[in-house]
Amino acid sequence: MQQVSIQPRQRRGTTRALLYGAGLVILLGVSACAAGSGENAAATGTFDPQSGRFAPCPDSPNCVSTQATDAEHGIEPYTFTGSAAAAKSVLLAAIDAMPRSKIVAETDDYLHVEFRSRIFRFVDDVEFFIDDAGKTVQFRSASRLGYSDMGVNRKRMEEIRAKFNAQ
């Protein structure tokens, strides 16, 4: 009878590839869950039409509001001289020119818009109140998830301001 020598196969490369693959699947799964979790957040808005006030910004730096009094969250409202209807029309055109925007609620003097980030599709909620008496557009822009937005909300609102003022 002939003896056969059995040698263990080289599995190091295969094991490493499987571990990297599993890690990638886990990373993508966590990213998808994080991005999707903003989807289920309540999108009812924070504006109280009785008082004309938005909810205050949280302590986190991912929110700006024309009604905030601190420097981190405060931002100036947009101003207009014509009618509120004309201002709303200009505002809608400015929003329509922005990428990944979706109007989710609209009345004569109020808009609630969702903006999604390019890569992870995180949702930011932006609310506008067109104050005809004060000839201003009050707004609040806040990220649904996370702590810091790296200034994205403030930059977006200034970009909309530039488009609003250009028309």
N, C-alpha and C. Protein backbone atom coordinates (compact mmCIF):
# COMPACT_ATOMS: atom_id res chain seq x y z
N MET A 1 0.83 -1.17 0.00
CA MET A 1 0.00 0.00 0.00
C MET A 1 0.88 1.24 0.00
N GLN A 2 0.50 2.17 -0.78
CA GLN A 2 1.30 3.37 -0.95
C GLN A 2 0.80 4.45 0.00
N GLN A 3 1.71 5.12 0.69
CA GLN A 3 1.32 6.19 1.61
C GLN A 3 1.20 7.50 0.84
N VAL A 4 0.13 8.22 1.16
CA VAL A 4 -0.10 9.51 0.52
C VAL A 4 0.11 10.59 1.56
N SER A 5 0.90 11.54 1.21
CA SER A 5 1.17 12.66 2.12
C SER A 5 0.13 13.75 1.88
N ILE A 6 -0.58 14.11 2.93
CA ILE A 6 -1.60 15.16 2.81
C ILE A 6 -1.03 16.43 3.42
N GLN A 7 -0.98 17.44 2.61
CA GLN A 7 -0.47 18.74 3.04
C GLN A 7 -1.65 19.70 3.22
N PRO A 8 -1.66 20.53 4.26
CA PRO A 8 -2.73 21.52 4.39
C PRO A 8 -2.63 22.54 3.26
N ARG A 9 -3.80 22.90 2.72
CA ARG A 9 -3.81 23.86 1.61
C ARG A 9 -3.56 25.27 2.14
N GLN A 10 -3.05 26.07 1.27
CA GLN A 10 -2.81 27.47 1.62
C GLN A 10 -4.16 28.18 1.67
N ARG A 11 -4.60 28.60 2.84
CA ARG A 11 -5.90 29.25 2.99
C ARG A 11 -5.78 30.71 3.41
N ARG A 12 -4.59 31.14 3.60
CA ARG A 12 -4.40 32.49 4.10
C ARG A 12 -5.02 33.53 3.16
N GLY A 13 -4.80 33.43 1.87
CA GLY A 13 -5.34 34.39 0.91
C GLY A 13 -6.85 34.35 0.84
N THR A 14 -7.42 33.15 0.86
CA THR A 14 -8.87 33.00 0.81
C THR A 14 -9.51 33.56 2.08
N THR A 15 -8.94 33.26 3.23
CA THR A 15 -9.48 33.75 4.50
C THR A 15 -9.43 35.27 4.55
N ARG A 16 -8.33 35.83 4.12
CA ARG A 16 -8.19 37.29 4.13
C ARG A 16 -9.25 37.93 3.22
N ALA A 17 -9.44 37.37 2.04
CA ALA A 17 -10.44 37.90 1.11
C ALA A 17 -11.84 37.82 1.71
N LEU A 18 -12.15 36.71 2.38
CA LEU A 18 -13.46 36.57 3.01
C LEU A 18 -13.66 37.59 4.13
N LEU A 19 -12.62 37.81 4.92
CA LEU A 19 -12.72 38.80 6.00
C LEU A 19 -12.91 40.21 5.46
N TYR A 20 -12.16 40.57 4.42
CA TYR A 20 -12.34 41.89 3.81
C TYR A 20 -13.74 42.04 3.23
N GLY A 21 -14.21 40.99 2.58
CA GLY A 21 -15.56 41.02 2.00
C GLY A 21 -16.63 41.19 3.06
N ALA A 22 -16.50 40.44 4.16
CA ALA A 22 -17.46 40.55 5.26
C ALA A 22 -17.43 41.94 5.87
N GLY A 23 -16.24 42.49 6.04
CA GLY A 23 -16.12 43.85 6.58
C GLY A 23 -16.78 44.87 5.68
N LEU A 24 -16.61 44.71 4.38
CA LEU A 24 -17.22 45.64 3.43
C LEU A 24 -18.75 45.54 3.48
N VAL A 25 -19.27 44.33 3.56
CA VAL A 25 -20.72 44.14 3.65
C VAL A 25 -21.26 44.79 4.91
N ILE A 26 -20.57 44.63 6.04
CA ILE A 26 -21.01 45.24 7.29
C ILE A 26 -20.97 46.76 7.19
N LEU A 27 -19.91 47.31 6.64
CA LEU A 27 -19.78 48.75 6.49
C LEU A 27 -20.89 49.32 5.62
N LEU A 28 -21.16 48.68 4.50
CA LEU A 28 -22.23 49.14 3.61
C LEU A 28 -23.59 49.03 4.29
N GLY A 29 -23.79 47.97 5.05
CA GLY A 29 -25.06 47.80 5.77
C GLY A 29 -25.28 48.89 6.80
N VAL A 30 -24.25 49.21 7.56
CA VAL A 30 -24.35 50.27 8.56
C VAL A 30 -24.62 51.61 7.88
N SER A 31 -23.93 51.89 6.79
CA SER A 31 -24.14 53.14 6.06
C SER A 31 -25.56 53.23 5.53
N ALA A 32 -26.07 52.14 5.00
CA ALA A 32 -27.44 52.13 4.47
C ALA A 32 -28.46 52.35 5.58
N CYS A 33 -28.23 51.74 6.73
CA CYS A 33 -29.15 51.93 7.86
C CYS A 33 -29.11 53.38 8.34
N ALA A 34 -27.93 53.95 8.42
CA ALA A 34 -27.81 55.34 8.87
C ALA A 34 -28.49 56.28 7.90
N ALA A 35 -28.28 56.06 6.61
CA ALA A 35 -28.89 56.92 5.60
C ALA A 35 -30.39 56.73 5.58
N GLY A 36 -30.85 55.52 5.72
CA GLY A 36 -32.27 55.25 5.67
C GLY A 36 -33.02 55.69 6.91
N SER A 37 -32.34 55.80 8.04
CA SER A 37 -33.04 56.14 9.26
C SER A 37 -33.59 57.56 9.23
N GLY A 38 -33.00 58.44 8.47
CA GLY A 38 -33.55 59.78 8.32
C GLY A 38 -34.85 59.76 7.54
N GLU A 39 -35.04 58.70 6.76
CA GLU A 39 -36.25 58.54 5.95
C GLU A 39 -37.49 58.44 6.82
N ASN A 40 -37.37 57.77 7.96
CA ASN A 40 -38.52 57.51 8.80
C ASN A 40 -38.78 58.60 9.83
N ALA A 41 -37.93 59.59 9.88
CA ALA A 41 -38.12 60.66 10.85
C ALA A 41 -39.40 61.43 10.53
N ALA A 42 -40.02 61.95 11.56
CA ALA A 42 -41.24 62.71 11.34
C ALA A 42 -40.95 63.93 10.49
N ALA A 43 -41.72 64.09 9.44
CA ALA A 43 -41.49 65.20 8.52
C ALA A 43 -42.66 66.17 8.60
N THR A 44 -43.17 66.41 9.79
CA THR A 44 -44.33 67.26 9.94
C THR A 44 -43.97 68.73 10.07
N GLY A 45 -42.72 69.03 10.25
CA GLY A 45 -42.31 70.42 10.40
C GLY A 45 -42.37 70.87 11.85
N THR A 46 -41.77 72.02 12.10
CA THR A 46 -41.70 72.54 13.46
C THR A 46 -42.39 73.89 13.59
N PHE A 47 -43.00 74.38 12.52
CA PHE A 47 -43.59 75.71 12.52
C PHE A 47 -44.96 75.71 13.18
N ASP A 48 -45.19 76.68 14.06
CA ASP A 48 -46.49 76.87 14.70
C ASP A 48 -47.15 78.09 14.07
N PRO A 49 -48.16 77.90 13.23
CA PRO A 49 -48.77 79.04 12.55
C PRO A 49 -49.47 80.01 13.49
N GLN A 50 -49.88 79.55 14.67
CA GLN A 50 -50.54 80.43 15.64
C GLN A 50 -49.58 81.49 16.16
N SER A 51 -48.37 81.05 16.49
CA SER A 51 -47.38 81.98 17.07
C SER A 51 -46.44 82.56 16.01
N GLY A 52 -46.40 81.92 14.84
CA GLY A 52 -45.45 82.37 13.81
C GLY A 52 -44.02 81.98 14.15
N ARG A 53 -43.86 80.94 14.97
CA ARG A 53 -42.53 80.55 15.44
C ARG A 53 -42.18 79.13 15.02
N PHE A 54 -40.89 78.94 14.76
CA PHE A 54 -40.34 77.60 14.54
C PHE A 54 -39.87 77.05 15.89
N ALA A 55 -39.69 75.75 15.96
CA ALA A 55 -39.07 75.16 17.14
C ALA A 55 -37.64 75.69 17.24
N PRO A 56 -37.11 75.85 18.44
CA PRO A 56 -35.73 76.31 18.57
C PRO A 56 -34.76 75.28 18.00
N CYS A 57 -33.61 75.74 17.58
CA CYS A 57 -32.56 74.82 17.14
C CYS A 57 -32.05 74.04 18.34
N PRO A 58 -31.63 72.79 18.13
CA PRO A 58 -31.01 72.04 19.23
C PRO A 58 -29.64 72.61 19.56
N ASP A 59 -29.00 72.10 20.59
CA ASP A 59 -27.67 72.56 20.96
C ASP A 59 -26.62 72.21 19.91
N SER A 60 -26.88 71.21 19.09
CA SER A 60 -25.91 70.78 18.07
C SER A 60 -25.78 71.85 16.98
N PRO A 61 -24.61 71.91 16.33
CA PRO A 61 -24.37 72.95 15.32
C PRO A 61 -24.88 72.60 13.92
N ASN A 62 -25.92 71.77 13.82
CA ASN A 62 -26.41 71.36 12.50
C ASN A 62 -27.76 71.99 12.17
N CYS A 63 -27.98 73.21 12.65
CA CYS A 63 -29.26 73.89 12.45
C CYS A 63 -29.01 75.40 12.38
N VAL A 64 -29.74 76.06 11.49
CA VAL A 64 -29.76 77.53 11.46
C VAL A 64 -31.21 77.98 11.41
N SER A 65 -31.48 79.13 12.01
CA SER A 65 -32.84 79.65 12.03
C SER A 65 -32.81 81.17 12.10
N THR A 66 -33.75 81.79 11.40
CA THR A 66 -33.86 83.24 11.46
C THR A 66 -34.40 83.69 12.81
N GLN A 67 -34.94 82.77 13.58
CA GLN A 67 -35.50 83.11 14.88
C GLN A 67 -34.56 82.79 16.03
N ALA A 68 -33.39 82.23 15.72
CA ALA A 68 -32.39 81.96 16.76
C ALA A 68 -31.65 83.25 17.09
N THR A 69 -31.29 83.42 18.34
CA THR A 69 -30.62 84.65 18.75
C THR A 69 -29.12 84.47 18.98
N ASP A 70 -28.64 83.22 19.01
CA ASP A 70 -27.21 83.01 19.22
C ASP A 70 -26.49 82.98 17.87
N ALA A 71 -25.20 83.31 17.89
CA ALA A 71 -24.41 83.43 16.66
C ALA A 71 -24.26 82.11 15.92
N GLU A 72 -24.21 81.00 16.66
CA GLU A 72 -24.01 79.69 16.02
C GLU A 72 -25.20 79.28 15.16
N HIS A 73 -26.40 79.60 15.61
CA HIS A 73 -27.61 79.16 14.92
C HIS A 73 -28.34 80.28 14.18
N GLY A 74 -28.10 81.52 14.56
CA GLY A 74 -28.83 82.64 13.97
C GLY A 74 -28.38 82.97 12.56
N ILE A 75 -29.34 83.42 11.75
CA ILE A 75 -29.09 83.83 10.37
C ILE A 75 -30.18 84.84 9.99
N GLU A 76 -29.85 85.78 9.14
CA GLU A 76 -30.80 86.82 8.76
C GLU A 76 -31.87 86.28 7.81
N PRO A 77 -33.12 86.77 7.95
CA PRO A 77 -34.17 86.34 7.01
C PRO A 77 -33.96 86.97 5.63
N TYR A 78 -34.63 86.41 4.64
CA TYR A 78 -34.65 87.01 3.31
C TYR A 78 -35.68 88.14 3.36
N THR A 79 -35.47 89.18 2.59
CA THR A 79 -36.43 90.28 2.55
C THR A 79 -36.97 90.44 1.13
N PHE A 80 -38.18 91.00 1.04
CA PHE A 80 -38.79 91.25 -0.26
C PHE A 80 -39.63 92.52 -0.19
N THR A 81 -39.95 93.09 -1.35
CA THR A 81 -40.72 94.33 -1.39
C THR A 81 -42.10 94.17 -2.01
N GLY A 82 -42.30 93.18 -2.84
CA GLY A 82 -43.60 92.98 -3.50
C GLY A 82 -44.57 92.22 -2.63
N SER A 83 -45.43 91.48 -3.27
CA SER A 83 -46.43 90.69 -2.55
C SER A 83 -45.82 89.39 -2.03
N ALA A 84 -46.50 88.80 -1.05
CA ALA A 84 -46.06 87.51 -0.52
C ALA A 84 -46.16 86.43 -1.59
N ALA A 85 -47.18 86.52 -2.44
CA ALA A 85 -47.34 85.53 -3.52
C ALA A 85 -46.17 85.61 -4.50
N ALA A 86 -45.73 86.82 -4.81
CA ALA A 86 -44.58 86.98 -5.72
C ALA A 86 -43.31 86.46 -5.05
N ALA A 87 -43.15 86.75 -3.76
CA ALA A 87 -41.97 86.26 -3.03
C ALA A 87 -41.96 84.74 -3.00
N LYS A 88 -43.13 84.14 -2.80
CA LYS A 88 -43.22 82.68 -2.78
C LYS A 88 -42.85 82.10 -4.14
N SER A 89 -43.29 82.73 -5.19
CA SER A 89 -42.96 82.26 -6.54
C SER A 89 -41.46 82.30 -6.79
N VAL A 90 -40.81 83.37 -6.37
CA VAL A 90 -39.36 83.50 -6.51
C VAL A 90 -38.66 82.45 -5.65
N LEU A 91 -39.15 82.26 -4.44
CA LEU A 91 -38.57 81.27 -3.53
C LEU A 91 -38.69 79.86 -4.12
N LEU A 92 -39.85 79.53 -4.67
CA LEU A 92 -40.04 78.21 -5.29
C LEU A 92 -39.08 78.00 -6.46
N ALA A 93 -38.85 79.04 -7.24
CA ALA A 93 -37.90 78.94 -8.36
C ALA A 93 -36.48 78.71 -7.83
N ALA A 94 -36.12 79.40 -6.75
CA ALA A 94 -34.79 79.22 -6.16
C ALA A 94 -34.62 77.80 -5.63
N ILE A 95 -35.64 77.29 -4.97
CA ILE A 95 -35.60 75.92 -4.43
C ILE A 95 -35.53 74.91 -5.57
N ASP A 96 -36.32 75.14 -6.61
CA ASP A 96 -36.34 74.23 -7.76
C ASP A 96 -34.97 74.14 -8.43
N ALA A 97 -34.19 75.20 -8.34
CA ALA A 97 -32.84 75.21 -8.94
C ALA A 97 -31.81 74.47 -8.09
N MET A 98 -32.20 74.09 -6.88
CA MET A 98 -31.28 73.39 -5.97
C MET A 98 -31.36 71.88 -6.22
N PRO A 99 -30.22 71.20 -6.21
CA PRO A 99 -30.25 69.74 -6.43
C PRO A 99 -30.83 68.99 -5.23
N ARG A 100 -31.46 67.87 -5.52
CA ARG A 100 -31.98 66.93 -4.51
C ARG A 100 -32.94 67.58 -3.52
N SER A 101 -33.82 68.46 -4.04
CA SER A 101 -34.82 69.10 -3.19
C SER A 101 -36.20 68.53 -3.49
N LYS A 102 -37.03 68.47 -2.45
CA LYS A 102 -38.39 67.95 -2.61
C LYS A 102 -39.31 68.71 -1.67
N ILE A 103 -40.34 69.32 -2.22
CA ILE A 103 -41.32 70.03 -1.39
C ILE A 103 -42.28 68.98 -0.82
N VAL A 104 -42.38 68.96 0.51
CA VAL A 104 -43.22 67.96 1.17
C VAL A 104 -44.49 68.55 1.78
N ALA A 105 -44.54 69.87 1.95
CA ALA A 105 -45.74 70.53 2.45
C ALA A 105 -45.74 71.97 1.94
N GLU A 106 -46.95 72.46 1.62
CA GLU A 106 -47.04 73.82 1.08
C GLU A 106 -48.40 74.41 1.40
N THR A 107 -48.39 75.66 1.88
CA THR A 107 -49.61 76.45 2.02
C THR A 107 -49.32 77.80 1.37
N ASP A 108 -50.23 78.75 1.51
CA ASP A 108 -50.02 80.06 0.90
C ASP A 108 -48.76 80.75 1.42
N ASP A 109 -48.46 80.56 2.72
CA ASP A 109 -47.34 81.28 3.32
C ASP A 109 -46.28 80.38 3.95
N TYR A 110 -46.32 79.08 3.66
CA TYR A 110 -45.41 78.13 4.30
C TYR A 110 -44.94 77.08 3.31
N LEU A 111 -43.66 76.70 3.43
CA LEU A 111 -43.08 75.60 2.65
C LEU A 111 -42.25 74.73 3.57
N HIS A 112 -42.35 73.42 3.38
CA HIS A 112 -41.46 72.47 4.05
C HIS A 112 -40.77 71.70 2.94
N VAL A 113 -39.44 71.80 2.91
CA VAL A 113 -38.65 71.19 1.84
C VAL A 113 -37.64 70.24 2.45
N GLU A 114 -37.44 69.09 1.79
CA GLU A 114 -36.38 68.16 2.17
C GLU A 114 -35.25 68.27 1.17
N PHE A 115 -34.04 68.35 1.68
CA PHE A 115 -32.84 68.31 0.86
C PHE A 115 -32.06 67.07 1.25
N ARG A 116 -31.56 66.34 0.26
CA ARG A 116 -30.78 65.12 0.52
C ARG A 116 -29.32 65.34 0.15
N SER A 117 -28.44 64.79 0.98
CA SER A 117 -27.01 64.88 0.68
C SER A 117 -26.69 63.97 -0.51
N ARG A 118 -25.65 64.32 -1.22
CA ARG A 118 -25.32 63.63 -2.47
C ARG A 118 -24.94 62.17 -2.26
N ILE A 119 -24.08 61.87 -1.32
CA ILE A 119 -23.54 60.52 -1.22
C ILE A 119 -24.39 59.62 -0.33
N PHE A 120 -24.58 59.99 0.92
CA PHE A 120 -25.28 59.11 1.85
C PHE A 120 -26.79 59.36 1.90
N ARG A 121 -27.28 60.38 1.19
CA ARG A 121 -28.71 60.67 1.09
C ARG A 121 -29.33 61.07 2.44
N PHE A 122 -28.52 61.70 3.31
CA PHE A 122 -29.05 62.20 4.58
C PHE A 122 -30.05 63.30 4.28
N VAL A 123 -31.07 63.43 5.12
CA VAL A 123 -32.14 64.40 4.89
C VAL A 123 -31.98 65.59 5.82
N ASP A 124 -32.07 66.79 5.23
CA ASP A 124 -32.16 68.03 5.98
C ASP A 124 -33.56 68.60 5.75
N ASP A 125 -34.20 69.07 6.81
CA ASP A 125 -35.52 69.68 6.71
C ASP A 125 -35.37 71.19 6.72
N VAL A 126 -35.99 71.84 5.74
CA VAL A 126 -35.98 73.30 5.67
C VAL A 126 -37.42 73.78 5.63
N GLU A 127 -37.74 74.71 6.52
CA GLU A 127 -39.07 75.29 6.55
C GLU A 127 -38.97 76.78 6.28
N PHE A 128 -39.90 77.29 5.50
CA PHE A 128 -39.97 78.71 5.17
C PHE A 128 -41.34 79.24 5.56
N PHE A 129 -41.36 80.42 6.17
CA PHE A 129 -42.60 81.13 6.45
C PHE A 129 -42.50 82.50 5.78
N ILE A 130 -43.41 82.77 4.86
CA ILE A 130 -43.40 84.04 4.14
C ILE A 130 -44.28 85.00 4.92
N ASP A 131 -43.63 85.94 5.58
CA ASP A 131 -44.29 86.91 6.46
C ASP A 131 -44.60 88.16 5.65
N ASP A 132 -45.85 88.26 5.17
CA ASP A 132 -46.23 89.39 4.32
C ASP A 132 -46.19 90.71 5.09
N ALA A 133 -46.61 90.68 6.36
CA ALA A 133 -46.62 91.92 7.16
C ALA A 133 -45.21 92.46 7.37
N GLY A 134 -44.26 91.57 7.65
CA GLY A 134 -42.88 91.99 7.89
C GLY A 134 -42.03 92.03 6.64
N LYS A 135 -42.59 91.58 5.50
CA LYS A 135 -41.87 91.53 4.21
C LYS A 135 -40.56 90.74 4.35
N THR A 136 -40.65 89.63 5.08
CA THR A 136 -39.48 88.76 5.25
C THR A 136 -39.87 87.31 4.99
N VAL A 137 -38.87 86.52 4.66
CA VAL A 137 -39.02 85.07 4.60
C VAL A 137 -38.23 84.51 5.77
N GLN A 138 -38.94 84.03 6.77
CA GLN A 138 -38.32 83.41 7.93
C GLN A 138 -38.07 81.95 7.59
N PHE A 139 -37.02 81.35 8.14
CA PHE A 139 -36.75 79.94 7.84
C PHE A 139 -35.98 79.26 8.96
N ARG A 140 -36.04 77.95 8.91
CA ARG A 140 -35.28 77.08 9.82
C ARG A 140 -34.78 75.91 8.98
N SER A 141 -33.50 75.61 9.07
CA SER A 141 -32.90 74.51 8.32
C SER A 141 -32.11 73.64 9.29
N ALA A 142 -32.44 72.34 9.33
CA ALA A 142 -31.81 71.45 10.31
C ALA A 142 -31.61 70.06 9.74
N SER A 143 -30.50 69.44 10.13
CA SER A 143 -30.22 68.06 9.77
C SER A 143 -31.06 67.14 10.64
N ARG A 144 -31.56 66.06 10.06
CA ARG A 144 -32.32 65.08 10.86
C ARG A 144 -31.41 64.22 11.70
N LEU A 145 -30.22 63.93 11.19
CA LEU A 145 -29.30 63.01 11.86
C LEU A 145 -27.97 63.69 12.14
N GLY A 146 -27.24 63.14 13.09
CA GLY A 146 -25.87 63.58 13.33
C GLY A 146 -25.78 64.77 14.25
N TYR A 147 -24.56 65.19 14.46
CA TYR A 147 -24.28 66.31 15.36
C TYR A 147 -23.88 67.55 14.56
N SER A 148 -22.81 67.44 13.81
CA SER A 148 -22.34 68.58 13.01
C SER A 148 -22.64 68.34 11.55
N ASP A 149 -22.96 69.40 10.84
CA ASP A 149 -23.20 69.28 9.40
C ASP A 149 -22.10 69.98 8.60
N MET A 150 -21.04 70.38 9.29
CA MET A 150 -19.90 71.06 8.65
C MET A 150 -20.34 72.34 7.90
N GLY A 151 -21.38 73.00 8.41
CA GLY A 151 -21.84 74.26 7.83
C GLY A 151 -22.73 74.12 6.60
N VAL A 152 -23.18 72.91 6.29
CA VAL A 152 -23.96 72.67 5.07
C VAL A 152 -25.29 73.44 5.09
N ASN A 153 -26.00 73.44 6.22
CA ASN A 153 -27.29 74.13 6.27
C ASN A 153 -27.14 75.63 6.06
N ARG A 154 -26.17 76.24 6.71
CA ARG A 154 -25.96 77.68 6.55
C ARG A 154 -25.57 78.01 5.10
N LYS A 155 -24.67 77.21 4.54
CA LYS A 155 -24.24 77.44 3.15
C LYS A 155 -25.43 77.32 2.19
N ARG A 156 -26.26 76.30 2.38
CA ARG A 156 -27.42 76.12 1.51
C ARG A 156 -28.36 77.31 1.60
N MET A 157 -28.62 77.78 2.82
CA MET A 157 -29.55 78.90 2.98
C MET A 157 -29.00 80.18 2.37
N GLU A 158 -27.70 80.37 2.41
CA GLU A 158 -27.09 81.54 1.76
C GLU A 158 -27.14 81.39 0.23
N GLU A 159 -27.02 80.16 -0.25
CA GLU A 159 -27.13 79.92 -1.70
C GLU A 159 -28.56 80.21 -2.17
N ILE A 160 -29.54 79.80 -1.40
CA ILE A 160 -30.93 80.11 -1.75
C ILE A 160 -31.16 81.61 -1.68
N ARG A 161 -30.57 82.28 -0.68
CA ARG A 161 -30.69 83.74 -0.58
C ARG A 161 -30.17 84.42 -1.85
N ALA A 162 -29.02 83.97 -2.33
CA ALA A 162 -28.44 84.56 -3.54
C ALA A 162 -29.37 84.37 -4.74
N LYS A 163 -29.95 83.19 -4.88
CA LYS A 163 -30.89 82.93 -5.98
C LYS A 163 -32.17 83.76 -5.80
N PHE A 164 -32.64 83.87 -4.56
CA PHE A 164 -33.85 84.64 -4.25
C PHE A 164 -33.64 86.12 -4.59
N ASN A 165 -32.49 86.65 -4.20
CA ASN A 165 -32.20 88.07 -4.45
C ASN A 165 -31.89 88.37 -5.90
N ALA A 166 -31.45 87.37 -6.66
CA ALA A 166 -31.09 87.58 -8.07
C ALA A 166 -32.31 87.73 -8.97
N GLN A 167 -33.48 87.35 -8.48
CA GLN A 167 -34.67 87.41 -9.34
C GLN A 167 -35.51 88.63 -9.08
